[in-house]
Amino acid sequence: TGFRAELAAFRAVPVEGSGASTRVYSLESTIGY
């Protein structure tokens, strides 16, 4: 009763460290409802 569906989206997150800055992770994040 009254539930609101979660909305989600992908976002790119750079990999921290001494490697190349071109390495990124693609993460799923909840942006709202």
PDB file of all heavy atoms in Angstrom:
ATOM      1  N   THR A   1       0.814  -1.207   0.000  1.00  0.00           N
ATOM      2  CA  THR A   1       0.000   0.000   0.000  1.00  0.00           C
ATOM      3  C   THR A   1       0.852   1.264   0.000  1.00  0.00           C
ATOM      4  O   THR A   1       1.734   1.417   0.851  1.00  0.00           O
ATOM      5  CB  THR A   1      -0.920   0.023   1.236  1.00  0.00           C
ATOM      6  OG1 THR A   1      -1.739  -1.144   1.240  1.00  0.00           O
ATOM      7  CG2 THR A   1      -1.804   1.265   1.226  1.00  0.00           C
ATOM      8  N   GLY A   2       0.597   2.145  -0.964  1.00  0.00           N
ATOM      9  CA  GLY A   2       1.278   3.433  -1.024  1.00  0.00           C
ATOM     10  C   GLY A   2       2.734   3.384  -1.427  1.00  0.00           C
ATOM     11  O   GLY A   2       3.430   4.401  -1.335  1.00  0.00           O
ATOM     12  N   PHE A   3       3.235   2.249  -1.910  1.00  0.00           N
ATOM     13  CA  PHE A   3       4.660   2.138  -2.245  1.00  0.00           C
ATOM     14  C   PHE A   3       4.989   2.975  -3.472  1.00  0.00           C
ATOM     15  O   PHE A   3       4.204   3.053  -4.423  1.00  0.00           O
ATOM     16  CB  PHE A   3       5.024   0.672  -2.513  1.00  0.00           C
ATOM     17  CG  PHE A   3       6.480   0.462  -2.828  1.00  0.00           C
ATOM     18  CD1 PHE A   3       7.419   0.418  -1.815  1.00  0.00           C
ATOM     19  CD2 PHE A   3       6.901   0.303  -4.142  1.00  0.00           C
ATOM     20  CE1 PHE A   3       8.764   0.225  -2.102  1.00  0.00           C
ATOM     21  CE2 PHE A   3       8.238   0.105  -4.442  1.00  0.00           C
ATOM     22  CZ  PHE A   3       9.170   0.065  -3.420  1.00  0.00           C
ATOM     23  N   ARG A   4       6.156   3.606  -3.443  1.00  0.00           N
ATOM     24  CA  ARG A   4       6.658   4.394  -4.562  1.00  0.00           C
ATOM     25  C   ARG A   4       7.853   3.680  -5.183  1.00  0.00           C
ATOM     26  O   ARG A   4       8.825   3.381  -4.495  1.00  0.00           O
ATOM     27  CB  ARG A   4       7.080   5.793  -4.098  1.00  0.00           C
ATOM     28  CG  ARG A   4       5.903   6.704  -3.729  1.00  0.00           C
ATOM     29  CD  ARG A   4       5.140   7.076  -5.000  1.00  0.00           C
ATOM     30  NE  ARG A   4       4.043   7.997  -4.748  1.00  0.00           N
ATOM     31  CZ  ARG A   4       2.791   7.627  -4.556  1.00  0.00           C
ATOM     32  NH1 ARG A   4       2.485   6.335  -4.538  1.00  0.00           N
ATOM     33  NH2 ARG A   4       1.837   8.500  -4.376  1.00  0.00           N
ATOM     34  N   ALA A   5       7.770   3.407  -6.473  1.00  0.00           N
ATOM     35  CA  ALA A   5       8.832   2.676  -7.164  1.00  0.00           C
ATOM     36  C   ALA A   5      10.140   3.467  -7.134  1.00  0.00           C
ATOM     37  O   ALA A   5      10.159   4.681  -7.329  1.00  0.00           O
ATOM     38  CB  ALA A   5       8.419   2.395  -8.603  1.00  0.00           C
ATOM     39  N   GLU A   6      11.241   2.747  -6.891  1.00  0.00           N
ATOM     40  CA  GLU A   6      12.555   3.374  -6.909  1.00  0.00           C
ATOM     41  C   GLU A   6      13.008   3.586  -8.347  1.00  0.00           C
ATOM     42  O   GLU A   6      12.798   2.737  -9.216  1.00  0.00           O
ATOM     43  CB  GLU A   6      13.578   2.501  -6.182  1.00  0.00           C
ATOM     44  CG  GLU A   6      13.412   2.454  -4.683  1.00  0.00           C
ATOM     45  CD  GLU A   6      14.533   1.680  -4.014  1.00  0.00           C
ATOM     46  OE1 GLU A   6      14.416   0.452  -3.934  1.00  0.00           O
ATOM     47  OE2 GLU A   6      15.526   2.301  -3.600  1.00  0.00           O
ATOM     48  N   LEU A   7      13.654   4.721  -8.588  1.00  0.00           N
ATOM     49  CA  LEU A   7      14.238   5.007  -9.888  1.00  0.00           C
ATOM     50  C   LEU A   7      15.750   4.861  -9.780  1.00  0.00           C
ATOM     51  O   LEU A   7      16.342   5.152  -8.742  1.00  0.00           O
ATOM     52  CB  LEU A   7      13.885   6.421 -10.348  1.00  0.00           C
ATOM     53  CG  LEU A   7      12.386   6.733 -10.503  1.00  0.00           C
ATOM     54  CD1 LEU A   7      12.198   8.192 -10.914  1.00  0.00           C
ATOM     55  CD2 LEU A   7      11.749   5.813 -11.533  1.00  0.00           C
ATOM     56  N   ALA A   8      16.374   4.416 -10.847  1.00  0.00           N
ATOM     57  CA  ALA A   8      17.813   4.192 -10.812  1.00  0.00           C
ATOM     58  C   ALA A   8      18.456   4.708 -12.098  1.00  0.00           C
ATOM     59  O   ALA A   8      17.796   4.851 -13.129  1.00  0.00           O
ATOM     60  CB  ALA A   8      18.118   2.703 -10.630  1.00  0.00           C
ATOM     61  N   ALA A   9      19.754   4.990 -12.023  1.00  0.00           N
ATOM     62  CA  ALA A   9      20.493   5.483 -13.188  1.00  0.00           C
ATOM     63  C   ALA A   9      21.946   5.047 -13.059  1.00  0.00           C
ATOM     64  O   ALA A   9      22.422   4.723 -11.964  1.00  0.00           O
ATOM     65  CB  ALA A   9      20.397   6.999 -13.288  1.00  0.00           C
ATOM     66  N   PHE A  10      22.654   5.033 -14.177  1.00  0.00           N
ATOM     67  CA  PHE A  10      24.069   4.697 -14.180  1.00  0.00           C
ATOM     68  C   PHE A  10      24.906   5.971 -14.077  1.00  0.00           C
ATOM     69  O   PHE A  10      24.535   7.013 -14.609  1.00  0.00           O
ATOM     70  CB  PHE A  10      24.449   3.955 -15.463  1.00  0.00           C
ATOM     71  CG  PHE A  10      23.883   2.572 -15.561  1.00  0.00           C
ATOM     72  CD1 PHE A  10      22.768   2.320 -16.349  1.00  0.00           C
ATOM     73  CD2 PHE A  10      24.449   1.518 -14.870  1.00  0.00           C
ATOM     74  CE1 PHE A  10      22.232   1.046 -16.442  1.00  0.00           C
ATOM     75  CE2 PHE A  10      23.927   0.244 -14.951  1.00  0.00           C
ATOM     76  CZ  PHE A  10      22.820   0.003 -15.745  1.00  0.00           C
ATOM     77  N   ARG A  11      26.035   5.863 -13.380  1.00  0.00           N
ATOM     78  CA  ARG A  11      26.969   6.988 -13.330  1.00  0.00           C
ATOM     79  C   ARG A  11      28.396   6.451 -13.365  1.00  0.00           C
ATOM     80  O   ARG A  11      28.674   5.335 -12.905  1.00  0.00           O
ATOM     81  CB  ARG A  11      26.755   7.816 -12.061  1.00  0.00           C
ATOM     82  CG  ARG A  11      26.949   7.074 -10.756  1.00  0.00           C
ATOM     83  CD  ARG A  11      26.536   7.937  -9.568  1.00  0.00           C
ATOM     84  NE  ARG A  11      26.673   7.227  -8.305  1.00  0.00           N
ATOM     85  CZ  ARG A  11      27.753   7.309  -7.524  1.00  0.00           C
ATOM     86  NH1 ARG A  11      28.754   8.092  -7.892  1.00  0.00           N
ATOM     87  NH2 ARG A  11      27.815   6.635  -6.386  1.00  0.00           N
ATOM     88  N   ALA A  12      29.301   7.248 -13.934  1.00  0.00           N
ATOM     89  CA  ALA A  12      30.697   6.846 -14.070  1.00  0.00           C
ATOM     90  C   ALA A  12      31.498   7.351 -12.885  1.00  0.00           C
ATOM     91  O   ALA A  12      31.400   8.525 -12.508  1.00  0.00           O
ATOM     92  CB  ALA A  12      31.277   7.391 -15.364  1.00  0.00           C
ATOM     93  N   VAL A  13      32.294   6.464 -12.285  1.00  0.00           N
ATOM     94  CA  VAL A  13      33.126   6.813 -11.131  1.00  0.00           C
ATOM     95  C   VAL A  13      34.576   6.477 -11.452  1.00  0.00           C
ATOM     96  O   VAL A  13      34.899   5.310 -11.711  1.00  0.00           O
ATOM     97  CB  VAL A  13      32.680   6.051  -9.865  1.00  0.00           C
ATOM     98  CG1 VAL A  13      33.574   6.410  -8.686  1.00  0.00           C
ATOM     99  CG2 VAL A  13      31.228   6.350  -9.550  1.00  0.00           C
ATOM    100  N   PRO A  14      35.490   7.453 -11.462  1.00  0.00           N
ATOM    101  CA  PRO A  14      36.894   7.176 -11.755  1.00  0.00           C
ATOM    102  C   PRO A  14      37.519   6.239 -10.728  1.00  0.00           C
ATOM    103  O   PRO A  14      37.170   6.272  -9.547  1.00  0.00           O
ATOM    104  CB  PRO A  14      37.547   8.574 -11.703  1.00  0.00           C
ATOM    105  CG  PRO A  14      36.419   9.530 -11.891  1.00  0.00           C
ATOM    106  CD  PRO A  14      35.217   8.879 -11.265  1.00  0.00           C
ATOM    107  N   VAL A  15      38.439   5.409 -11.188  1.00  0.00           N
ATOM    108  CA  VAL A  15      39.157   4.496 -10.301  1.00  0.00           C
ATOM    109  C   VAL A  15      40.300   5.248  -9.639  1.00  0.00           C
ATOM    110  O   VAL A  15      41.158   5.822 -10.326  1.00  0.00           O
ATOM    111  CB  VAL A  15      39.696   3.282 -11.083  1.00  0.00           C
ATOM    112  CG1 VAL A  15      40.491   2.367 -10.150  1.00  0.00           C
ATOM    113  CG2 VAL A  15      38.558   2.525 -11.730  1.00  0.00           C
ATOM    114  N   GLU A  16      40.328   5.284  -8.310  1.00  0.00           N
ATOM    115  CA  GLU A  16      41.388   5.985  -7.600  1.00  0.00           C
ATOM    116  C   GLU A  16      42.634   5.109  -7.513  1.00  0.00           C
ATOM    117  O   GLU A  16      42.559   3.891  -7.357  1.00  0.00           O
ATOM    118  CB  GLU A  16      40.925   6.360  -6.188  1.00  0.00           C
ATOM    119  CG  GLU A  16      39.747   7.317  -6.170  1.00  0.00           C
ATOM    120  CD  GLU A  16      39.328   7.707  -4.769  1.00  0.00           C
ATOM    121  OE1 GLU A  16      39.971   7.192  -3.821  1.00  0.00           O
ATOM    122  OE2 GLU A  16      38.384   8.503  -4.621  1.00  0.00           O
ATOM    123  N   GLY A  17      43.796   5.746  -7.627  1.00  0.00           N
ATOM    124  CA  GLY A  17      45.043   5.004  -7.549  1.00  0.00           C
ATOM    125  C   GLY A  17      46.080   5.594  -8.490  1.00  0.00           C
ATOM    126  O   GLY A  17      45.895   6.668  -9.072  1.00  0.00           O
ATOM    127  N   SER A  18      47.168   4.875  -8.662  1.00  0.00           N
ATOM    128  CA  SER A  18      48.280   5.360  -9.479  1.00  0.00           C
ATOM    129  C   SER A  18      48.162   4.951 -10.943  1.00  0.00           C
ATOM    130  O   SER A  18      49.027   5.268 -11.738  1.00  0.00           O
ATOM    131  CB  SER A  18      49.599   4.816  -8.912  1.00  0.00           C
ATOM    132  OG  SER A  18      49.575   3.387  -8.889  1.00  0.00           O
ATOM    133  N   GLY A  19      47.091   4.256 -11.296  1.00  0.00           N
ATOM    134  CA  GLY A  19      46.919   3.814 -12.674  1.00  0.00           C
ATOM    135  C   GLY A  19      46.455   4.931 -13.579  1.00  0.00           C
ATOM    136  O   GLY A  19      46.386   6.103 -13.205  1.00  0.00           O
ATOM    137  N   ALA A  20      46.123   4.544 -14.803  1.00  0.00           N
ATOM    138  CA  ALA A  20      45.683   5.515 -15.799  1.00  0.00           C
ATOM    139  C   ALA A  20      44.346   6.125 -15.391  1.00  0.00           C
ATOM    140  O   ALA A  20      43.482   5.444 -14.855  1.00  0.00           O
ATOM    141  CB  ALA A  20      45.558   4.847 -17.168  1.00  0.00           C
ATOM    142  N   SER A  21      44.184   7.424 -15.643  1.00  0.00           N
ATOM    143  CA  SER A  21      42.962   8.121 -15.264  1.00  0.00           C
ATOM    144  C   SER A  21      41.784   7.772 -16.163  1.00  0.00           C
ATOM    145  O   SER A  21      40.665   8.207 -15.919  1.00  0.00           O
ATOM    146  CB  SER A  21      43.204   9.638 -15.306  1.00  0.00           C
ATOM    147  OG  SER A  21      43.596  10.029 -16.613  1.00  0.00           O
ATOM    148  N   THR A  22      42.054   6.988 -17.217  1.00  0.00           N
ATOM    149  CA  THR A  22      40.966   6.608 -18.127  1.00  0.00           C
ATOM    150  C   THR A  22      40.139   5.460 -17.587  1.00  0.00           C
ATOM    151  O   THR A  22      39.108   5.117 -18.170  1.00  0.00           O
ATOM    152  CB  THR A  22      41.549   6.196 -19.500  1.00  0.00           C
ATOM    153  OG1 THR A  22      42.480   5.118 -19.296  1.00  0.00           O
ATOM    154  CG2 THR A  22      42.241   7.369 -20.163  1.00  0.00           C
ATOM    155  N   ARG A  23      40.559   4.869 -16.473  1.00  0.00           N
ATOM    156  CA  ARG A  23      39.843   3.738 -15.922  1.00  0.00           C
ATOM    157  C   ARG A  23      38.684   4.239 -15.059  1.00  0.00           C
ATOM    158  O   ARG A  23      38.898   4.985 -14.100  1.00  0.00           O
ATOM    159  CB  ARG A  23      40.753   2.848 -15.078  1.00  0.00           C
ATOM    160  CG  ARG A  23      42.000   2.365 -15.807  1.00  0.00           C
ATOM    161  CD  ARG A  23      41.653   1.504 -17.014  1.00  0.00           C
ATOM    162  NE  ARG A  23      42.846   0.961 -17.628  1.00  0.00           N
ATOM    163  CZ  ARG A  23      43.472   1.527 -18.665  1.00  0.00           C
ATOM    164  NH1 ARG A  23      42.997   2.653 -19.165  1.00  0.00           N
ATOM    165  NH2 ARG A  23      44.543   0.971 -19.180  1.00  0.00           N
ATOM    166  N   VAL A  24      37.478   3.837 -15.395  1.00  0.00           N
ATOM    167  CA  VAL A  24      36.302   4.247 -14.633  1.00  0.00           C
ATOM    168  C   VAL A  24      35.394   3.046 -14.413  1.00  0.00           C
ATOM    169  O   VAL A  24      35.382   2.102 -15.204  1.00  0.00           O
ATOM    170  CB  VAL A  24      35.510   5.364 -15.340  1.00  0.00           C
ATOM    171  CG1 VAL A  24      36.336   6.624 -15.467  1.00  0.00           C
ATOM    172  CG2 VAL A  24      35.018   4.893 -16.699  1.00  0.00           C
ATOM    173  N   TYR A  25      34.661   3.091 -13.304  1.00  0.00           N
ATOM    174  CA  TYR A  25      33.631   2.103 -13.029  1.00  0.00           C
ATOM    175  C   TYR A  25      32.276   2.705 -13.399  1.00  0.00           C
ATOM    176  O   TYR A  25      32.054   3.903 -13.275  1.00  0.00           O
ATOM    177  CB  TYR A  25      33.603   1.732 -11.538  1.00  0.00           C
ATOM    178  CG  TYR A  25      34.712   0.815 -11.109  1.00  0.00           C
ATOM    179  CD1 TYR A  25      35.768   1.292 -10.338  1.00  0.00           C
ATOM    180  CD2 TYR A  25      34.698  -0.527 -11.462  1.00  0.00           C
ATOM    181  CE1 TYR A  25      36.778   0.445  -9.924  1.00  0.00           C
ATOM    182  CE2 TYR A  25      35.706  -1.375 -11.059  1.00  0.00           C
ATOM    183  CZ  TYR A  25      36.753  -0.887 -10.286  1.00  0.00           C
ATOM    184  OH  TYR A  25      37.751  -1.716  -9.880  1.00  0.00           O
ATOM    185  N   SER A  26      31.397   1.852 -13.838  1.00  0.00           N
ATOM    186  CA  SER A  26      30.020   2.271 -14.088  1.00  0.00           C
ATOM    187  C   SER A  26      29.166   1.730 -12.938  1.00  0.00           C
ATOM    188  O   SER A  26      29.094   0.522 -12.727  1.00  0.00           O
ATOM    189  CB  SER A  26      29.522   1.706 -15.424  1.00  0.00           C
ATOM    190  OG  SER A  26      28.209   2.115 -15.676  1.00  0.00           O
ATOM    191  N   LEU A  27      28.552   2.641 -12.180  1.00  0.00           N
ATOM    192  CA  LEU A  27      27.786   2.257 -11.004  1.00  0.00           C
ATOM    193  C   LEU A  27      26.314   2.569 -11.181  1.00  0.00           C
ATOM    194  O   LEU A  27      25.939   3.553 -11.815  1.00  0.00           O
ATOM    195  CB  LEU A  27      28.305   2.978  -9.761  1.00  0.00           C
ATOM    196  CG  LEU A  27      29.733   2.667  -9.314  1.00  0.00           C
ATOM    197  CD1 LEU A  27      30.068   3.458  -8.064  1.00  0.00           C
ATOM    198  CD2 LEU A  27      29.912   1.179  -9.057  1.00  0.00           C
ATOM    199  N   GLU A  28      25.486   1.726 -10.598  1.00  0.00           N
ATOM    200  CA  GLU A  28      24.043   1.946 -10.572  1.00  0.00           C
ATOM    201  C   GLU A  28      23.709   2.711  -9.307  1.00  0.00           C
ATOM    202  O   GLU A  28      24.108   2.320  -8.208  1.00  0.00           O
ATOM    203  CB  GLU A  28      23.317   0.602 -10.576  1.00  0.00           C
ATOM    204  CG  GLU A  28      21.831   0.683 -10.318  1.00  0.00           C
ATOM    205  CD  GLU A  28      21.043   0.882 -11.599  1.00  0.00           C
ATOM    206  OE1 GLU A  28      21.660   1.049 -12.644  1.00  0.00           O
ATOM    207  OE2 GLU A  28      19.816   0.880 -11.524  1.00  0.00           O
ATOM    208  N   SER A  29      23.006   3.833  -9.420  1.00  0.00           N
ATOM    209  CA  SER A  29      22.658   4.627  -8.251  1.00  0.00           C
ATOM    210  C   SER A  29      21.164   4.939  -8.256  1.00  0.00           C
ATOM    211  O   SER A  29      20.573   5.161  -9.314  1.00  0.00           O
ATOM    212  CB  SER A  29      23.450   5.940  -8.230  1.00  0.00           C
ATOM    213  OG  SER A  29      23.182   6.701  -9.395  1.00  0.00           O
ATOM    214  N   THR A  30      20.572   4.926  -7.062  1.00  0.00           N
ATOM    215  CA  THR A  30      19.154   5.266  -6.930  1.00  0.00           C
ATOM    216  C   THR A  30      19.014   6.781  -6.908  1.00  0.00           C
ATOM    217  O   THR A  30      19.560   7.439  -6.031  1.00  0.00           O
ATOM    218  CB  THR A  30      18.571   4.666  -5.642  1.00  0.00           C
ATOM    219  OG1 THR A  30      18.723   3.244  -5.687  1.00  0.00           O
ATOM    220  CG2 THR A  30      17.092   4.996  -5.509  1.00  0.00           C
ATOM    221  N   ILE A  31      18.304   7.336  -7.880  1.00  0.00           N
ATOM    222  CA  ILE A  31      18.202   8.785  -8.003  1.00  0.00           C
ATOM    223  C   ILE A  31      16.916   9.340  -7.407  1.00  0.00           C
ATOM    224  O   ILE A  31      16.707  10.546  -7.385  1.00  0.00           O
ATOM    225  CB  ILE A  31      18.297   9.210  -9.475  1.00  0.00           C
ATOM    226  CG1 ILE A  31      17.181   8.549 -10.295  1.00  0.00           C
ATOM    227  CG2 ILE A  31      19.650   8.851 -10.042  1.00  0.00           C
ATOM    228  CD1 ILE A  31      17.134   9.013 -11.729  1.00  0.00           C
ATOM    229  N   GLY A  32      16.067   8.480  -6.914  1.00  0.00           N
ATOM    230  CA  GLY A  32      14.825   8.974  -6.328  1.00  0.00           C
ATOM    231  C   GLY A  32      13.709   7.961  -6.468  1.00  0.00           C
ATOM    232  O   GLY A  32      13.948   6.755  -6.478  1.00  0.00           O
ATOM    233  N   TYR A  33      12.499   8.463  -6.606  1.00  0.00           N
ATOM    234  CA  TYR A  33      11.340   7.586  -6.681  1.00  0.00           C
ATOM    235  C   TYR A  33      10.336   8.133  -7.683  1.00  0.00           C
ATOM    236  O   TYR A  33      10.350   9.316  -8.037  1.00  0.00           O
ATOM    237  CB  TYR A  33      10.677   7.460  -5.304  1.00  0.00           C
ATOM    238  CG  TYR A  33      10.228   8.789  -4.719  1.00  0.00           C
ATOM    239  CD1 TYR A  33       8.943   9.292  -4.952  1.00  0.00           C
ATOM    240  CD2 TYR A  33      11.086   9.552  -3.943  1.00  0.00           C
ATOM    241  CE1 TYR A  33       8.537  10.503  -4.434  1.00  0.00           C
ATOM    242  CE2 TYR A  33      10.696  10.767  -3.418  1.00  0.00           C
ATOM    243  CZ  TYR A  33       9.424  11.244  -3.662  1.00  0.00           C
ATOM    244  OH  TYR A  33       9.028  12.448  -3.153  1.00  0.00           O
TER     245      TYR A  33
END
